[in-house]
Protein backbone atom coordinates (compact mmCIF):
# COMPACT_ATOMS: atom_id res chain seq x y z
CA UNK A 1 11.71 10.96 16.67
CA UNK A 2 14.78 11.62 14.75
CA UNK A 3 15.92 12.92 11.58
CA UNK A 4 17.52 10.53 8.74
CA UNK A 5 20.36 12.29 7.82
CA UNK A 6 20.73 14.34 4.57
CA UNK A 7 16.75 13.03 3.90
CA UNK A 8 13.52 14.83 5.21
CA UNK A 9 12.07 11.58 6.56
CA UNK A 10 11.42 11.24 10.09
CA UNK A 11 11.36 7.98 12.05
CA UNK A 12 8.21 7.65 14.69
CA UNK A 13 7.16 4.47 16.86
CA UNK A 14 3.84 3.94 18.12
CA UNK A 15 3.93 2.03 21.54
CA UNK A 16 0.51 0.03 21.50
CA UNK A 17 1.69 -1.63 24.59
CA UNK A 18 2.30 -5.54 25.76
CA UNK A 19 5.53 -5.04 23.58
CA UNK A 20 4.07 -4.27 20.69
CA UNK A 21 4.19 -1.34 18.52
CA UNK A 22 3.95 0.29 14.65
CA UNK A 23 7.16 1.90 13.08
CA UNK A 24 6.21 4.72 10.62
CA UNK A 25 8.09 6.80 8.30
CA UNK A 26 7.01 10.32 7.84
CA UNK A 27 8.77 12.27 4.67
CA UNK A 28 8.25 16.14 4.45
CA UNK A 29 7.30 17.72 1.43
CA UNK A 30 10.75 19.14 -0.42
CA UNK A 31 11.35 22.75 0.15
CA UNK A 32 10.61 25.32 -2.25
CA UNK A 33 7.82 22.75 -3.87
CA UNK A 34 3.89 23.88 -4.27
CA UNK A 35 2.63 22.15 -0.94
CA UNK A 36 -0.51 20.26 -1.41
CA UNK A 37 -3.68 19.68 0.38
CA UNK A 38 -3.31 16.19 1.56
CA UNK A 39 -1.18 13.84 3.49
CA UNK A 40 -0.73 10.78 1.52
CA UNK A 41 -0.48 7.12 3.21
CA UNK A 42 1.24 4.65 1.27
CA UNK A 43 0.45 0.87 2.34
CA UNK A 44 3.09 -1.15 1.67
CA UNK A 45 2.14 -4.61 -0.33
CA UNK A 46 2.26 -7.99 0.83
CA UNK A 47 5.70 -9.48 1.89
CA UNK A 48 7.02 -5.93 1.13
CA UNK A 49 8.76 -3.43 3.55
CA UNK A 50 7.87 0.48 3.82
CA UNK A 51 11.74 0.97 2.36
CA UNK A 52 10.85 -0.64 -0.64
CA UNK A 53 8.57 2.50 -1.58
CA UNK A 54 11.32 4.75 -0.93
CA UNK A 55 11.61 5.83 -4.47
CA UNK A 56 7.79 6.42 -4.84
CA UNK A 57 7.75 8.66 -1.37
CA UNK A 58 10.82 10.40 -2.72
CA UNK A 59 8.68 11.04 -6.11
CA UNK A 60 5.62 12.38 -4.22
CA UNK A 61 7.38 14.61 -1.61
CA UNK A 62 9.87 16.01 -4.59
CA UNK A 63 5.98 17.23 -6.08
CA UNK A 64 4.67 18.93 -2.40
CA UNK A 65 3.13 16.06 -0.79
CA UNK A 66 3.61 15.24 2.87
CA UNK A 67 3.99 11.38 2.96
CA UNK A 68 3.66 8.27 5.96
CA UNK A 69 4.68 5.27 5.05
CA UNK A 70 4.47 2.29 7.88
CA UNK A 71 5.38 -1.69 8.43
CA UNK A 72 2.48 -3.57 9.97
CA UNK A 73 2.05 -5.76 12.55
CA UNK A 74 2.53 -9.30 12.37
CA UNK A 75 4.49 -8.59 8.64
CA UNK A 76 7.62 -8.30 7.62
CA UNK A 77 9.21 -5.07 8.75
CA UNK A 78 10.47 -2.93 11.65
CA UNK A 79 6.95 -3.50 13.65
CA UNK A 80 6.13 -6.43 16.07
CA UNK A 81 5.47 -9.67 15.47
CA UNK A 82 5.74 -12.39 12.88
CA UNK A 83 4.62 -12.66 9.42
CA UNK A 84 3.10 -16.02 10.31
CA UNK A 85 0.53 -14.26 12.22
CA UNK A 86 -0.86 -11.97 9.73
CA UNK A 87 -4.22 -11.99 8.64
CA UNK A 88 -6.28 -9.49 6.16
CA UNK A 89 -8.40 -7.72 9.35
CA UNK A 90 -4.76 -7.49 11.48
CA UNK A 91 -3.53 -5.25 8.17
CA UNK A 92 -6.82 -3.25 8.22
CA UNK A 93 -6.77 -2.82 11.69
CA UNK A 94 -2.94 -1.57 11.28
CA UNK A 95 -4.08 0.94 8.68
CA UNK A 96 -7.07 2.22 10.87
CA UNK A 97 -4.48 2.66 13.99
CA UNK A 98 -2.06 4.63 11.38
CA UNK A 99 -5.30 7.24 10.46
CA UNK A 100 -6.11 7.54 14.17
CA UNK A 101 -2.48 8.17 15.36
CA UNK A 102 -2.29 10.96 12.29
CA UNK A 103 -5.64 12.29 13.49
CA UNK A 104 -4.50 13.06 17.24
CA UNK A 105 -1.70 15.04 15.13
CA UNK A 106 -4.50 17.33 13.42
CA UNK A 107 -3.64 15.30 10.12
CA UNK A 108 -7.18 14.87 8.66
CA UNK A 109 -6.96 15.33 4.92
CA UNK A 110 -5.51 12.07 3.59
CA UNK A 111 -5.54 10.39 0.48
CA UNK A 112 -4.22 6.79 0.49
CA UNK A 113 -2.19 4.65 -2.13
CA UNK A 114 -2.11 0.77 -2.07
CA UNK A 115 -0.65 -1.95 -3.88
CA UNK A 116 -1.15 -5.68 -4.47
CA UNK A 117 -2.72 -7.21 -1.73
CA UNK A 118 -2.92 -4.12 0.60
CA UNK A 119 -5.26 -2.51 -1.83
CA UNK A 120 -7.84 -5.00 -0.80
CA UNK A 121 -7.21 -3.64 2.48
CA UNK A 122 -7.99 0.02 1.16
CA UNK A 123 -11.10 -0.90 -0.51
CA UNK A 124 -12.30 -2.52 2.55
CA UNK A 125 -12.32 0.70 4.08
CA UNK A 126 -12.20 3.38 1.80
CA UNK A 127 -15.75 4.14 1.94
CA UNK A 128 -16.29 3.96 5.56
CA UNK A 129 -13.69 6.48 6.51
CA UNK A 130 -13.21 10.14 5.68
CA UNK A 131 -10.39 10.01 2.35
CA UNK A 132 -9.87 12.55 0.04
CA UNK A 133 -8.91 10.27 -2.94
CA UNK A 134 -7.59 6.37 -3.28
CA UNK A 135 -4.92 5.26 -5.56
CA UNK A 136 -4.23 1.69 -6.32
CA UNK A 137 -2.05 -0.04 -8.49
CA UNK A 138 -2.36 -4.21 -9.46
CA UNK A 139 -5.04 -4.03 -6.70
CA UNK A 140 -6.23 -7.03 -5.60
CA UNK A 141 -10.04 -7.65 -5.82
CA UNK A 142 -10.62 -11.34 -5.87
CA UNK A 143 -8.50 -12.54 -3.15
CA UNK A 144 -9.53 -15.98 -3.65
CA UNK A 145 -8.72 -16.28 -7.35
CA UNK A 146 -5.17 -14.19 -6.83
CA UNK A 147 -4.27 -16.80 -4.12
CA UNK A 148 -5.14 -19.39 -6.15
CA UNK A 149 -2.83 -18.13 -8.93
CA UNK A 150 0.00 -17.03 -6.59
CA UNK A 151 0.11 -20.18 -4.54
CA UNK A 152 -1.02 -22.62 -7.28
CA UNK A 153 -3.80 -23.98 -5.29
CA UNK A 154 -7.31 -22.70 -4.22
CA UNK A 155 -6.84 -23.34 -0.75
CA UNK A 156 -10.03 -21.44 0.42
CA UNK A 157 -12.06 -24.15 -0.91
CA UNK A 158 -10.61 -26.51 1.62
CA UNK A 159 -11.89 -27.29 5.08
CA UNK A 160 -9.84 -25.79 7.66
CA UNK A 161 -9.03 -29.05 8.85
CA UNK A 162 -7.61 -30.06 5.36
CA UNK A 163 -5.10 -27.14 5.10
CA UNK A 164 -1.12 -27.28 5.54
CA UNK A 165 0.31 -25.64 8.40
CA UNK A 166 1.60 -23.03 6.27
CA UNK A 167 2.11 -21.44 3.02
CA UNK A 168 5.14 -20.04 1.57
CA UNK A 169 4.83 -16.86 -0.55
CA UNK A 170 7.97 -15.07 -1.91
CA UNK A 171 9.92 -17.15 0.72
CA UNK A 172 7.52 -16.02 3.82
CA UNK A 173 5.41 -18.44 5.64
CA UNK A 174 2.58 -17.53 7.06
CA UNK A 175 0.04 -19.47 9.22
CA UNK A 176 -2.76 -21.17 6.81
CA UNK A 177 -5.76 -21.89 8.94
CA UNK A 178 -5.84 -18.56 10.80
CA UNK A 179 -5.40 -16.60 7.64
CA UNK A 180 -8.00 -18.91 5.80
CA UNK A 181 -10.63 -18.46 8.78
CA UNK A 182 -10.18 -14.92 8.63
CA UNK A 183 -10.72 -14.71 4.87
CA UNK A 184 -13.99 -16.55 5.02
CA UNK A 185 -15.28 -15.39 8.46
CA UNK A 186 -14.98 -11.47 7.15
CA UNK A 187 -15.57 -11.88 3.78
CA UNK A 188 -12.49 -10.97 2.25
CA UNK A 189 -12.32 -13.78 -0.54
CA UNK A 190 -14.66 -12.97 -3.40
CA UNK A 191 -15.25 -10.28 -6.24
CA UNK A 192 -18.63 -9.78 -4.72
CA UNK A 193 -17.44 -8.79 -1.41
CA UNK A 194 -15.13 -6.29 -2.78
CA UNK A 195 -17.67 -4.81 -5.06
CA UNK A 196 -20.05 -4.32 -1.83
CA UNK A 197 -17.50 -2.51 -0.24
CA UNK A 198 -16.84 0.03 -3.06
CA UNK A 199 -20.30 0.29 -4.95
CA UNK A 200 -20.80 3.54 -2.76
CA UNK A 201 -17.20 5.02 -2.84
CA UNK A 202 -17.84 8.73 -3.88
CA UNK A 203 -13.98 9.86 -4.01
CA UNK A 204 -11.45 10.36 -6.70
CA UNK A 205 -10.94 6.88 -7.10
CA UNK A 206 -7.93 6.15 -9.49
CA UNK A 207 -6.79 2.35 -10.17
CA UNK A 208 -3.74 1.43 -12.32
CA UNK A 209 -3.73 -2.25 -14.02
CA UNK A 210 -0.72 -3.45 -15.65
CA UNK A 211 -1.07 -5.34 -18.92
CA UNK A 212 1.17 -8.38 -18.09
CA UNK A 213 -0.44 -8.68 -14.59
CA UNK A 214 -1.05 -12.70 -14.18
CA UNK A 215 -2.47 -12.59 -10.58
CA UNK A 216 -5.84 -9.73 -11.33
CA UNK A 217 -8.04 -9.71 -14.32
CA UNK A 218 -8.27 -6.37 -15.80
CA UNK A 219 -12.03 -7.75 -16.80
CA UNK A 220 -13.06 -8.02 -13.06
CA UNK A 221 -11.36 -4.39 -12.33
CA UNK A 222 -13.67 -2.98 -15.05
CA UNK A 223 -16.69 -4.83 -13.36
CA UNK A 224 -15.58 -3.46 -10.14
CA UNK A 225 -15.43 0.07 -11.29
CA UNK A 226 -18.82 -0.29 -13.28
CA UNK A 227 -20.76 -1.45 -10.03
CA UNK A 228 -19.29 2.06 -8.15
CA UNK A 229 -22.37 4.38 -8.24
CA UNK A 230 -20.03 7.63 -8.66
CA UNK A 231 -18.46 9.14 -12.03
CA UNK A 232 -15.24 9.83 -9.97
CA UNK A 233 -13.60 6.58 -11.09
CA UNK A 234 -10.89 6.01 -13.56
CA UNK A 235 -8.90 2.83 -14.81
CA UNK A 236 -5.10 3.52 -16.38
CA UNK A 237 -2.96 0.91 -17.64
CA UNK A 238 1.10 0.88 -16.99
CA UNK A 239 1.98 -0.60 -20.27
CA UNK A 240 4.57 -3.33 -20.32
CA UNK A 241 4.01 -3.91 -16.47
CA UNK A 242 3.53 -7.24 -14.47
CA UNK A 243 2.00 -7.61 -10.87
CA UNK A 244 5.90 -6.93 -9.52
CA UNK A 245 6.11 -3.21 -11.06
CA UNK A 246 9.42 -3.16 -9.91
CA UNK A 247 10.89 -6.04 -12.31
CA UNK A 248 11.65 -3.84 -15.02
CA UNK A 249 13.19 -0.52 -14.92
CA UNK A 250 11.65 1.35 -17.22
CA UNK A 251 8.00 0.11 -16.08
CA UNK A 252 9.20 1.33 -12.37
CA UNK A 253 9.96 4.77 -13.48
CA UNK A 254 6.53 4.69 -15.35
CA UNK A 255 4.94 3.78 -12.34
CA UNK A 256 6.26 6.58 -10.08
CA UNK A 257 5.30 9.09 -12.67
CA UNK A 258 2.00 8.30 -12.98
CA UNK A 259 1.29 7.48 -9.42
CA UNK A 260 2.64 10.91 -8.80
CA UNK A 261 0.34 12.46 -11.71
CA UNK A 262 -2.63 10.69 -10.34
CA UNK A 263 -1.80 11.91 -6.43
CA UNK A 264 -1.60 15.63 -8.24
CA UNK A 265 -4.89 15.48 -9.78
CA UNK A 266 -6.86 13.59 -7.48
CA UNK A 267 -5.44 16.13 -4.72
CA UNK A 268 -7.32 18.87 -6.86
CA UNK A 269 -10.58 16.29 -6.72
CA UNK A 270 -9.87 15.21 -10.70
CA UNK A 271 -9.52 11.39 -12.05
CA UNK A 272 -8.29 12.93 -15.40
CA UNK A 273 -4.46 12.45 -15.68
CA UNK A 274 -3.10 14.80 -18.38
CA UNK A 275 -0.04 13.15 -19.72
CA UNK A 276 2.06 16.33 -20.31
CA UNK A 277 1.55 17.43 -16.66
CA UNK A 278 4.56 18.75 -15.24
CA UNK A 279 6.26 16.93 -12.19
CA UNK A 280 9.40 17.31 -10.42
CA UNK A 281 11.22 13.82 -10.99
CA UNK A 282 14.34 13.35 -8.44
CA UNK A 283 17.49 12.86 -9.97
CA UNK A 284 18.66 9.26 -10.23
CA UNK A 285 21.77 9.73 -7.54
CA UNK A 286 19.18 11.22 -5.19
CA UNK A 287 16.78 8.42 -5.49
CA UNK A 288 19.97 6.03 -4.91
CA UNK A 289 21.26 7.64 -1.85
CA UNK A 290 17.89 7.76 -0.13
CA UNK A 291 17.20 4.22 -0.64
CA UNK A 292 21.06 3.38 0.53
CA UNK A 293 20.31 5.83 3.84
CA UNK A 294 17.03 4.32 4.58
CA UNK A 295 18.31 1.04 4.55
CA UNK A 296 21.14 1.84 6.45
CA UNK A 297 18.53 3.37 9.21
CA UNK A 298 16.55 0.00 8.91
CA UNK A 299 19.66 -2.29 9.76
CA UNK A 300 20.81 0.08 12.86
CA UNK A 301 17.01 -0.04 14.09
CA UNK A 302 16.98 -3.95 13.24
CA UNK A 303 20.45 -4.34 15.15
CA UNK A 304 18.98 -2.59 17.75
CA UNK A 305 15.87 -4.46 18.07
CA UNK A 306 18.23 -7.82 18.55
CA UNK A 307 19.99 -6.13 20.72
CA UNK A 308 17.33 -5.74 23.35
CA UNK A 309 15.83 -9.41 22.86
């Protein structure tokens, strides 16, 4: 492992054998901050790398949280494999690998943050593992409907033999037949399957929607929450936000602030966010420096990986 210069981030590699490895970035709580009870795992969104969440990691660590980020196998980023091999079940198994790795280090108090498609993966396991809390933003709950909106075609209604070789999403190709077969065989695809996974969830669960999200229906999010047999769930809306929360700097800052406040109250076992809660906001210059340093590290690691190949 190695410390990234001028930050509290540590770079780890989990060697899985057979030339496969998962890259993890660990951000320590800032010095002189009130330390929180839980470590937070940030699960990168689909086609996003862990360095895309450097700002959120900085906000959370600036408020006393220990943060873990990682790039999934068979995805974009620094871990092994190519995104054309990615499936929802592969994403789930990667998250479980990270959780088990943390347990070997004696880290058992865990909160989870996930956005977009990765939220569906979090929903799959949240009720069956020991989590302290779950926070999601623009989380996909009806995978079939979201894919239809994003890809402009309901591929999941096609027979496997009629599928194209690959889908293209945000400039990335992923293998269509294995992805669809996994969705159908393992029941990732419907709102009902998501509801079934979460109906017995009994931890603080805070879900953020965006009022301009064209990929996730707020009415279905409300239906999901109403189906959960717990009073420890709450919905908040990111006003002005779309499914891409980074498209607008004002919305992005609101996103960072809101997730940080949600994590603080959830760390105390609550779901009621006080808009006036005090948080320590990193300076813009600090965010810029951390982002630049992380991208330099990412480029350095990528260069080293290419030289080995």
